[in-house]
Amino acid sequence: MASNLDRFKSDVASLLKQGALLLNAMQFDCHPAEFETQVKKQLKAKAADYIKDLPSFDNEYQRWYSEAIALIRQVLPDRLADFIRHYEKPKTRKEISYESYRIEDYLQGLQVTRGYSKEVVVGKYAAIPQFQQQLAIVSAAEARFESSLFDIKQMVQADLLDSEIEAAEHLAKFKFVRAAGAIAGVVLERHLSQVCGNHSITVAKKSPTIADFNELLKSGGVVDLPQWRFIQHLADIRNLCDHGRSPEPSSEQVADLIAGVKKTIKTLY
């Protein structure tokens, strides 16, 4: 079975491959004649098919961005703000210039013109360097896997959590629902503890619970209200499994808990 480290490497390679196609789609959209000339020089008779098969940047970028954000948050968190900055319009922007134009502007088809002739001062082409920078950051994430400085602690922990989740699923399959739920709860608790550490959130309690971690993450702006409610729901099921005097949890409740924990450890960093 592939480790989390292998999965991350595969995800980065896939993002870079798709990103290269999106960059070409962007260049074709902004400079169609020049791009077509270059492609014909390289691909000859296959040029037309290559151009026809390019993805739509407008349709595909948001999915690429969401996947890249999740990966960079885990692998290269110190570059996350830079990555986002190349997409989002600057909040303090007073005028649109080549330097302040962002990918978000591109997706809205924004361009600045002047005079009666509608001369384009800033157009969609200004977003190309912004996307190139995002690709460079993803490429840096790939390089970090090969660096001796890469901290594999979180990767190892992720593999351990996956193994424990598999054990919980096995127990649930054979109707040991309370034990399965208890294990899933431990996995969630450990993961939330790690997330607090990732975001330098101080945990004052000696033996914090899922609810304690959840509250700290909400206060720290790491989770929003819907996420907080979702994790609190998982905590309620976990408590039902941990307390022997409470009613026996149902198979459906434990299945929800396991599925919720799997989702949380894959999406919350």
C-alpha atoms as a PDB file:
ATOM      1  CA  MET A   1       0.000   0.000   0.000  1.00  0.00           C
ATOM      2  CA  ALA A   2       1.334   3.450  -0.938  1.00  0.00           C
ATOM      3  CA  SER A   3       2.463   5.638   1.957  1.00  0.00           C
ATOM      4  CA  ASN A   4       1.257   9.194   2.477  1.00  0.00           C
ATOM      5  CA  LEU A   5       4.671  10.398   1.310  1.00  0.00           C
ATOM      6  CA  ASP A   6       4.204   8.524  -1.970  1.00  0.00           C
ATOM      7  CA  ARG A   7       0.709   9.985  -2.327  1.00  0.00           C
ATOM      8  CA  PHE A   8       1.996  13.509  -1.784  1.00  0.00           C
ATOM      9  CA  LYS A   9       4.706  13.004  -4.407  1.00  0.00           C
ATOM     10  CA  SER A  10       2.134  11.693  -6.843  1.00  0.00           C
ATOM     11  CA  ASP A  11      -0.204  14.606  -6.115  1.00  0.00           C
ATOM     12  CA  VAL A  12       2.566  17.156  -6.737  1.00  0.00           C
ATOM     13  CA  ALA A  13       3.533  15.504 -10.030  1.00  0.00           C
ATOM     14  CA  SER A  14      -0.108  15.537 -11.131  1.00  0.00           C
ATOM     15  CA  LEU A  15      -0.512  19.201 -10.158  1.00  0.00           C
ATOM     16  CA  LEU A  16       2.609  20.186 -12.094  1.00  0.00           C
ATOM     17  CA  LYS A  17       1.487  18.275 -15.176  1.00  0.00           C
ATOM     18  CA  GLN A  18      -1.991  19.817 -15.108  1.00  0.00           C
ATOM     19  CA  GLY A  19      -0.500  23.214 -14.271  1.00  0.00           C
ATOM     20  CA  ALA A  20       1.714  23.126 -17.352  1.00  0.00           C
ATOM     21  CA  LEU A  21      -1.349  22.474 -19.524  1.00  0.00           C
ATOM     22  CA  LEU A  22      -3.262  25.286 -17.816  1.00  0.00           C
ATOM     23  CA  LEU A  23      -0.357  27.661 -18.407  1.00  0.00           C
ATOM     24  CA  ASN A  24      -0.368  26.777 -22.105  1.00  0.00           C
ATOM     25  CA  ALA A  25      -4.138  27.294 -22.208  1.00  0.00           C
ATOM     26  CA  MET A  26      -3.660  30.685 -20.603  1.00  0.00           C
ATOM     27  CA  GLN A  27      -0.968  31.673 -23.104  1.00  0.00           C
ATOM     28  CA  PHE A  28      -3.107  30.538 -26.028  1.00  0.00           C
ATOM     29  CA  ASP A  29      -6.022  32.580 -24.693  1.00  0.00           C
ATOM     30  CA  CYS A  30      -3.884  35.725 -24.363  1.00  0.00           C
ATOM     31  CA  HIS A  31      -1.569  35.337 -27.360  1.00  0.00           C
ATOM     32  CA  PRO A  32      -3.272  32.900 -29.776  1.00  0.00           C
ATOM     33  CA  ALA A  33      -1.266  33.683 -32.932  1.00  0.00           C
ATOM     34  CA  GLU A  34       2.141  33.591 -31.237  1.00  0.00           C
ATOM     35  CA  PHE A  35       1.293  30.463 -29.279  1.00  0.00           C
ATOM     36  CA  GLU A  36       0.011  28.600 -32.335  1.00  0.00           C
ATOM     37  CA  THR A  37       3.177  29.500 -34.257  1.00  0.00           C
ATOM     38  CA  GLN A  38       5.386  28.081 -31.518  1.00  0.00           C
ATOM     39  CA  VAL A  39       3.344  24.900 -31.173  1.00  0.00           C
ATOM     40  CA  LYS A  40       3.442  24.295 -34.939  1.00  0.00           C
ATOM     41  CA  LYS A  41       7.215  24.586 -34.878  1.00  0.00           C
ATOM     42  CA  GLN A  42       7.461  21.915 -32.194  1.00  0.00           C
ATOM     43  CA  LEU A  43       4.598  19.537 -32.961  1.00  0.00           C
ATOM     44  CA  LYS A  44       4.129  20.014 -36.714  1.00  0.00           C
ATOM     45  CA  ALA A  45       0.984  18.194 -37.834  1.00  0.00           C
ATOM     46  CA  LYS A  46      -0.039  17.385 -34.266  1.00  0.00           C
ATOM     47  CA  ALA A  47      -0.281  21.057 -33.283  1.00  0.00           C
ATOM     48  CA  ALA A  48      -3.987  21.475 -34.038  1.00  0.00           C
ATOM     49  CA  ASP A  49      -4.959  18.446 -31.938  1.00  0.00           C
ATOM     50  CA  TYR A  50      -2.767  19.619 -29.057  1.00  0.00           C
ATOM     51  CA  ILE A  51      -4.374  23.050 -29.020  1.00  0.00           C
ATOM     52  CA  LYS A  52      -7.867  21.574 -29.311  1.00  0.00           C
ATOM     53  CA  ASP A  53      -7.229  19.332 -26.287  1.00  0.00           C
ATOM     54  CA  LEU A  54      -5.950  22.093 -24.020  1.00  0.00           C
ATOM     55  CA  PRO A  55      -8.066  22.469 -20.867  1.00  0.00           C
ATOM     56  CA  SER A  56     -10.216  25.536 -20.265  1.00  0.00           C
ATOM     57  CA  PHE A  57      -8.357  27.688 -17.733  1.00  0.00           C
ATOM     58  CA  ASP A  58     -11.603  29.338 -16.648  1.00  0.00           C
ATOM     59  CA  ASN A  59     -13.240  25.976 -15.946  1.00  0.00           C
ATOM     60  CA  GLU A  60     -10.316  23.977 -14.557  1.00  0.00           C
ATOM     61  CA  TYR A  61      -8.229  26.459 -12.583  1.00  0.00           C
ATOM     62  CA  GLN A  62     -10.360  26.578  -9.418  1.00  0.00           C
ATOM     63  CA  ARG A  63     -10.101  22.827  -8.919  1.00  0.00           C
ATOM     64  CA  TRP A  64      -6.339  22.967  -9.512  1.00  0.00           C
ATOM     65  CA  TYR A  65      -6.029  25.879  -7.068  1.00  0.00           C
ATOM     66  CA  SER A  66      -8.021  24.098  -4.353  1.00  0.00           C
ATOM     67  CA  GLU A  67      -5.904  20.953  -4.640  1.00  0.00           C
ATOM     68  CA  ALA A  68      -2.673  22.952  -4.695  1.00  0.00           C
ATOM     69  CA  ILE A  69      -3.715  24.957  -1.613  1.00  0.00           C
ATOM     70  CA  ALA A  70      -4.357  21.757   0.356  1.00  0.00           C
ATOM     71  CA  LEU A  71      -0.983  20.314  -0.607  1.00  0.00           C
ATOM     72  CA  ILE A  72       1.052  23.465   0.055  1.00  0.00           C
ATOM     73  CA  ARG A  73      -0.640  23.948   3.426  1.00  0.00           C
ATOM     74  CA  GLN A  74       0.722  20.551   4.408  1.00  0.00           C
ATOM     75  CA  VAL A  75       4.105  20.420   2.673  1.00  0.00           C
ATOM     76  CA  LEU A  76       5.233  24.051   2.353  1.00  0.00           C
ATOM     77  CA  PRO A  77       3.126  26.095   4.815  1.00  0.00           C
ATOM     78  CA  ASP A  78       5.571  29.014   4.873  1.00  0.00           C
ATOM     79  CA  ARG A  79       4.756  29.693   1.197  1.00  0.00           C
ATOM     80  CA  LEU A  80       0.974  29.431   1.523  1.00  0.00           C
ATOM     81  CA  ALA A  81       0.408  33.189   1.875  1.00  0.00           C
ATOM     82  CA  ASP A  82       2.552  33.840  -1.211  1.00  0.00           C
ATOM     83  CA  PHE A  83       0.604  31.254  -3.192  1.00  0.00           C
ATOM     84  CA  ILE A  84      -2.733  32.833  -2.266  1.00  0.00           C
ATOM     85  CA  ARG A  85      -1.419  36.338  -2.958  1.00  0.00           C
ATOM     86  CA  HIS A  86      -0.879  35.490  -6.632  1.00  0.00           C
ATOM     87  CA  TYR A  87      -4.576  34.602  -6.918  1.00  0.00           C
ATOM     88  CA  GLU A  88      -6.465  37.119  -4.794  1.00  0.00           C
ATOM     89  CA  LYS A  89      -6.957  40.769  -5.684  1.00  0.00           C
ATOM     90  CA  PRO A  90      -4.976  42.943  -3.209  1.00  0.00           C
ATOM     91  CA  LYS A  91      -7.327  44.323  -0.582  1.00  0.00           C
ATOM     92  CA  THR A  92      -5.453  47.640  -0.536  1.00  0.00           C
ATOM     93  CA  ARG A  93      -5.354  48.014  -4.340  1.00  0.00           C
ATOM     94  CA  LYS A  94      -6.270  51.528  -5.465  1.00  0.00           C
ATOM     95  CA  GLU A  95      -5.707  51.047  -9.173  1.00  0.00           C
ATOM     96  CA  ILE A  96      -5.307  48.117 -11.519  1.00  0.00           C
ATOM     97  CA  SER A  97      -1.828  47.890 -12.973  1.00  0.00           C
ATOM     98  CA  TYR A  98       0.347  45.179 -14.458  1.00  0.00           C
ATOM     99  CA  GLU A  99       1.922  44.651 -11.030  1.00  0.00           C
ATOM    100  CA  SER A 100      -1.380  44.491  -9.125  1.00  0.00           C
ATOM    101  CA  TYR A 101      -3.326  42.356 -11.621  1.00  0.00           C
ATOM    102  CA  ARG A 102      -4.119  38.879 -10.268  1.00  0.00           C
ATOM    103  CA  ILE A 103      -5.486  35.539 -11.462  1.00  0.00           C
ATOM    104  CA  GLU A 104      -8.838  36.393  -9.897  1.00  0.00           C
ATOM    105  CA  ASP A 105      -8.996  39.377 -12.313  1.00  0.00           C
ATOM    106  CA  TYR A 106      -8.196  37.066 -15.225  1.00  0.00           C
ATOM    107  CA  LEU A 107     -11.064  34.746 -14.347  1.00  0.00           C
ATOM    108  CA  GLN A 108     -13.410  37.738 -14.353  1.00  0.00           C
ATOM    109  CA  GLY A 109     -12.134  38.824 -17.770  1.00  0.00           C
ATOM    110  CA  LEU A 110     -10.999  42.160 -16.376  1.00  0.00           C
ATOM    111  CA  GLN A 111      -8.994  44.553 -18.539  1.00  0.00           C
ATOM    112  CA  VAL A 112      -8.200  48.250 -18.324  1.00  0.00           C
ATOM    113  CA  THR A 113      -8.487  50.482 -21.400  1.00  0.00           C
ATOM    114  CA  ARG A 114      -7.998  54.162 -22.091  1.00  0.00           C
ATOM    115  CA  GLY A 115      -9.052  56.710 -24.661  1.00  0.00           C
ATOM    116  CA  TYR A 116     -11.676  56.561 -27.356  1.00  0.00           C
ATOM    117  CA  SER A 117      -9.706  53.860 -29.121  1.00  0.00           C
ATOM    118  CA  LYS A 118     -10.043  51.588 -26.065  1.00  0.00           C
ATOM    119  CA  GLU A 119      -6.331  50.887 -26.003  1.00  0.00           C
ATOM    120  CA  VAL A 120      -5.681  48.008 -23.584  1.00  0.00           C
ATOM    121  CA  VAL A 121      -3.418  49.192 -20.771  1.00  0.00           C
ATOM    122  CA  VAL A 122      -3.676  46.055 -18.639  1.00  0.00           C
ATOM    123  CA  GLY A 123      -5.208  42.831 -19.906  1.00  0.00           C
ATOM    124  CA  LYS A 124      -5.545  39.170 -19.028  1.00  0.00           C
ATOM    125  CA  TYR A 125      -1.936  38.550 -20.069  1.00  0.00           C
ATOM    126  CA  ALA A 126      -0.855  40.253 -16.812  1.00  0.00           C
ATOM    127  CA  ALA A 127      -2.016  37.184 -14.886  1.00  0.00           C
ATOM    128  CA  ILE A 128       0.415  34.849 -16.670  1.00  0.00           C
ATOM    129  CA  PRO A 129       3.404  35.720 -14.404  1.00  0.00           C
ATOM    130  CA  GLN A 130       1.171  35.242 -11.361  1.00  0.00           C
ATOM    131  CA  PHE A 131       0.294  31.704 -12.402  1.00  0.00           C
ATOM    132  CA  GLN A 132       3.918  30.985 -13.289  1.00  0.00           C
ATOM    133  CA  GLN A 133       4.835  31.934  -9.724  1.00  0.00           C
ATOM    134  CA  GLN A 134       2.192  29.562  -8.361  1.00  0.00           C
ATOM    135  CA  LEU A 135       3.655  26.774 -10.496  1.00  0.00           C
ATOM    136  CA  ALA A 136       7.115  27.617  -9.157  1.00  0.00           C
ATOM    137  CA  ILE A 137       5.849  27.262  -5.582  1.00  0.00           C
ATOM    138  CA  VAL A 138       4.308  23.861  -6.354  1.00  0.00           C
ATOM    139  CA  SER A 139       7.606  22.867  -7.974  1.00  0.00           C
ATOM    140  CA  ALA A 140       9.412  23.943  -4.789  1.00  0.00           C
ATOM    141  CA  ALA A 141       7.095  21.656  -2.832  1.00  0.00           C
ATOM    142  CA  GLU A 142       8.152  18.779  -5.074  1.00  0.00           C
ATOM    143  CA  ALA A 143      11.837  19.590  -4.535  1.00  0.00           C
ATOM    144  CA  ARG A 144      11.342  19.638  -0.786  1.00  0.00           C
ATOM    145  CA  PHE A 145      10.539  15.921  -0.757  1.00  0.00           C
ATOM    146  CA  GLU A 146      14.078  15.222  -1.941  1.00  0.00           C
ATOM    147  CA  SER A 147      15.690  17.604   0.553  1.00  0.00           C
ATOM    148  CA  SER A 148      17.386  16.273   3.685  1.00  0.00           C
ATOM    149  CA  LEU A 149      15.760  19.207   5.483  1.00  0.00           C
ATOM    150  CA  PHE A 150      12.251  17.910   4.843  1.00  0.00           C
ATOM    151  CA  ASP A 151      10.484  17.092   8.103  1.00  0.00           C
ATOM    152  CA  ILE A 152       8.791  13.718   7.663  1.00  0.00           C
ATOM    153  CA  LYS A 153       7.264  13.683  11.154  1.00  0.00           C
ATOM    154  CA  GLN A 154       3.796  14.611   9.915  1.00  0.00           C
ATOM    155  CA  MET A 155       4.012  12.111   7.061  1.00  0.00           C
ATOM    156  CA  VAL A 156       4.865   9.298   9.459  1.00  0.00           C
ATOM    157  CA  GLN A 157       2.038  10.333  11.757  1.00  0.00           C
ATOM    158  CA  ALA A 158      -0.372  10.418   8.815  1.00  0.00           C
ATOM    159  CA  ASP A 159       0.570   6.827   7.946  1.00  0.00           C
ATOM    160  CA  LEU A 160       0.000   5.763  11.561  1.00  0.00           C
ATOM    161  CA  LEU A 161      -3.400   7.459  11.646  1.00  0.00           C
ATOM    162  CA  ASP A 162      -4.367   5.745   8.401  1.00  0.00           C
ATOM    163  CA  SER A 163      -3.457   2.378   9.915  1.00  0.00           C
ATOM    164  CA  GLU A 164      -5.576   3.067  12.983  1.00  0.00           C
ATOM    165  CA  ILE A 165      -8.523   4.130  10.845  1.00  0.00           C
ATOM    166  CA  GLU A 166      -8.223   0.845   8.940  1.00  0.00           C
ATOM    167  CA  ALA A 167      -8.305  -0.984  12.277  1.00  0.00           C
ATOM    168  CA  ALA A 168     -11.469   0.928  13.253  1.00  0.00           C
ATOM    169  CA  GLU A 169     -13.098   0.018   9.927  1.00  0.00           C
ATOM    170  CA  HIS A 170     -12.210  -3.640  10.478  1.00  0.00           C
ATOM    171  CA  LEU A 171     -13.787  -3.627  13.948  1.00  0.00           C
ATOM    172  CA  ALA A 172     -16.906  -1.894  12.644  1.00  0.00           C
ATOM    173  CA  LYS A 173     -17.219  -4.485   9.895  1.00  0.00           C
ATOM    174  CA  PHE A 174     -17.515  -7.194  12.556  1.00  0.00           C
ATOM    175  CA  LYS A 175     -19.993  -5.130  14.623  1.00  0.00           C
ATOM    176  CA  PHE A 176     -17.571  -4.087  17.389  1.00  0.00           C
ATOM    177  CA  VAL A 177     -19.007  -0.619  16.999  1.00  0.00           C
ATOM    178  CA  ARG A 178     -18.096   0.854  20.383  1.00  0.00           C
ATOM    179  CA  ALA A 179     -14.425  -0.174  20.047  1.00  0.00           C
ATOM    180  CA  ALA A 180     -14.325   1.061  16.452  1.00  0.00           C
ATOM    181  CA  GLY A 181     -15.717   4.420  17.470  1.00  0.00           C
ATOM    182  CA  ALA A 182     -13.259   4.737  20.345  1.00  0.00           C
ATOM    183  CA  ILE A 183     -10.288   4.157  18.036  1.00  0.00           C
ATOM    184  CA  ALA A 184     -11.621   6.646  15.477  1.00  0.00           C
ATOM    185  CA  GLY A 185     -12.002   9.188  18.283  1.00  0.00           C
ATOM    186  CA  VAL A 186      -8.369   8.743  19.336  1.00  0.00           C
ATOM    187  CA  VAL A 187      -7.274   9.305  15.733  1.00  0.00           C
ATOM    188  CA  LEU A 188      -9.271  12.528  15.537  1.00  0.00           C
ATOM    189  CA  GLU A 189      -7.914  13.754  18.863  1.00  0.00           C
ATOM    190  CA  ARG A 190      -4.300  13.149  17.822  1.00  0.00           C
ATOM    191  CA  HIS A 191      -4.820  14.836  14.482  1.00  0.00           C
ATOM    192  CA  LEU A 192      -6.413  17.934  15.987  1.00  0.00           C
ATOM    193  CA  SER A 193      -3.509  18.136  18.428  1.00  0.00           C
ATOM    194  CA  GLN A 194      -1.108  18.106  15.469  1.00  0.00           C
ATOM    195  CA  VAL A 195      -3.134  20.780  13.669  1.00  0.00           C
ATOM    196  CA  CYS A 196      -2.902  23.024  16.732  1.00  0.00           C
ATOM    197  CA  GLY A 197       0.857  22.505  16.691  1.00  0.00           C
ATOM    198  CA  ASN A 198       1.039  23.309  12.974  1.00  0.00           C
ATOM    199  CA  HIS A 199      -0.618  26.654  13.644  1.00  0.00           C
ATOM    200  CA  SER A 200       1.363  27.414  16.838  1.00  0.00           C
ATOM    201  CA  ILE A 201      -1.781  27.309  18.963  1.00  0.00           C
ATOM    202  CA  THR A 202      -1.009  26.877  22.660  1.00  0.00           C
ATOM    203  CA  VAL A 203      -2.937  24.102  24.400  1.00  0.00           C
ATOM    204  CA  ALA A 204      -3.135  24.938  28.101  1.00  0.00           C
ATOM    205  CA  LYS A 205      -5.096  21.921  29.344  1.00  0.00           C
ATOM    206  CA  LYS A 206      -3.143  18.879  30.487  1.00  0.00           C
ATOM    207  CA  SER A 207      -5.576  16.380  28.959  1.00  0.00           C
ATOM    208  CA  PRO A 208      -7.502  18.226  26.247  1.00  0.00           C
ATOM    209  CA  THR A 209     -10.468  16.639  24.508  1.00  0.00           C
ATOM    210  CA  ILE A 210     -11.636  16.845  20.910  1.00  0.00           C
ATOM    211  CA  ALA A 211     -13.997  19.639  21.955  1.00  0.00           C
ATOM    212  CA  ASP A 212     -11.094  21.553  23.533  1.00  0.00           C
ATOM    213  CA  PHE A 213      -8.951  21.295  20.399  1.00  0.00           C
ATOM    214  CA  ASN A 214     -11.948  22.198  18.252  1.00  0.00           C
ATOM    215  CA  GLU A 215     -12.631  25.338  20.271  1.00  0.00           C
ATOM    216  CA  LEU A 216      -8.998  26.427  20.080  1.00  0.00           C
ATOM    217  CA  LEU A 217      -8.935  25.929  16.309  1.00  0.00           C
ATOM    218  CA  LYS A 218     -12.112  27.984  15.909  1.00  0.00           C
ATOM    219  CA  SER A 219     -10.729  30.768  18.110  1.00  0.00           C
ATOM    220  CA  GLY A 220      -7.512  30.710  16.106  1.00  0.00           C
ATOM    221  CA  GLY A 221      -9.366  31.069  12.812  1.00  0.00           C
ATOM    222  CA  VAL A 222      -8.222  27.674  11.535  1.00  0.00           C
ATOM    223  CA  VAL A 223     -11.739  26.225  11.245  1.00  0.00           C
ATOM    224  CA  ASP A 224     -14.906  28.088  10.351  1.00  0.00           C
ATOM    225  CA  LEU A 225     -18.299  27.613  12.011  1.00  0.00           C
ATOM    226  CA  PRO A 226     -19.537  24.772   9.732  1.00  0.00           C
ATOM    227  CA  GLN A 227     -16.247  22.882  10.271  1.00  0.00           C
ATOM    228  CA  TRP A 228     -16.479  23.479  14.019  1.00  0.00           C
ATOM    229  CA  ARG A 229     -20.008  22.084  14.100  1.00  0.00           C
ATOM    230  CA  PHE A 230     -18.971  19.072  12.019  1.00  0.00           C
ATOM    231  CA  ILE A 231     -16.084  18.222  14.367  1.00  0.00           C
ATOM    232  CA  GLN A 232     -18.310  18.770  17.394  1.00  0.00           C
ATOM    233  CA  HIS A 233     -20.778  16.269  15.926  1.00  0.00           C
ATOM    234  CA  LEU A 234     -17.931  13.738  15.596  1.00  0.00           C
ATOM    235  CA  ALA A 235     -16.919  14.449  19.199  1.00  0.00           C
ATOM    236  CA  ASP A 236     -20.459  13.720  20.390  1.00  0.00           C
ATOM    237  CA  ILE A 237     -20.411  10.298  18.697  1.00  0.00           C
ATOM    238  CA  ARG A 238     -16.946   9.578  20.118  1.00  0.00           C
ATOM    239  CA  ASN A 239     -18.199  10.366  23.625  1.00  0.00           C
ATOM    240  CA  LEU A 240     -21.083   7.969  23.103  1.00  0.00           C
ATOM    241  CA  CYS A 241     -18.555   5.239  22.237  1.00  0.00           C
ATOM    242  CA  ASP A 242     -16.230   5.980  25.156  1.00  0.00           C
ATOM    243  CA  HIS A 243     -18.822   5.952  27.942  1.00  0.00           C
ATOM    244  CA  GLY A 244     -19.867   2.406  28.786  1.00  0.00           C
ATOM    245  CA  ARG A 245     -23.021   3.476  30.595  1.00  0.00           C
ATOM    246  CA  SER A 246     -24.374   5.437  27.639  1.00  0.00           C
ATOM    247  CA  PRO A 247     -26.616   3.774  25.049  1.00  0.00           C
ATOM    248  CA  GLU A 248     -24.835   1.537  22.537  1.00  0.00           C
ATOM    249  CA  PRO A 249     -23.872   3.597  19.474  1.00  0.00           C
ATOM    250  CA  SER A 250     -25.462   2.449  16.239  1.00  0.00           C
ATOM    251  CA  SER A 251     -23.519   1.101  13.277  1.00  0.00           C
ATOM    252  CA  GLU A 252     -24.630   4.140  11.292  1.00  0.00           C
ATOM    253  CA  GLN A 253     -23.297   6.562  13.913  1.00  0.00           C
ATOM    254  CA  VAL A 254     -19.908   4.851  14.016  1.00  0.00           C
ATOM    255  CA  ALA A 255     -19.772   4.720  10.218  1.00  0.00           C
ATOM    256  CA  ASP A 256     -20.420   8.475  10.191  1.00  0.00           C
ATOM    257  CA  LEU A 257     -17.679   8.987  12.774  1.00  0.00           C
ATOM    258  CA  ILE A 258     -15.098   6.990  10.819  1.00  0.00           C
ATOM    259  CA  ALA A 259     -15.996   8.711   7.547  1.00  0.00           C
ATOM    260  CA  GLY A 260     -15.868  12.113   9.243  1.00  0.00           C
ATOM    261  CA  VAL A 261     -12.469  11.423  10.790  1.00  0.00           C
ATOM    262  CA  LYS A 262     -11.083  10.268   7.433  1.00  0.00           C
ATOM    263  CA  LYS A 263     -12.335  13.470   5.819  1.00  0.00           C
ATOM    264  CA  THR A 264     -10.892  15.649   8.580  1.00  0.00           C
ATOM    265  CA  ILE A 265      -7.385  14.175   8.541  1.00  0.00           C
ATOM    266  CA  LYS A 266      -7.240  14.610   4.750  1.00  0.00           C
ATOM    267  CA  THR A 267      -8.552  18.178   4.597  1.00  0.00           C
ATOM    268  CA  LEU A 268      -7.611  19.919   7.838  1.00  0.00           C
ATOM    269  CA  TYR A 269      -3.946  20.730   8.338  1.00  0.00           C
END
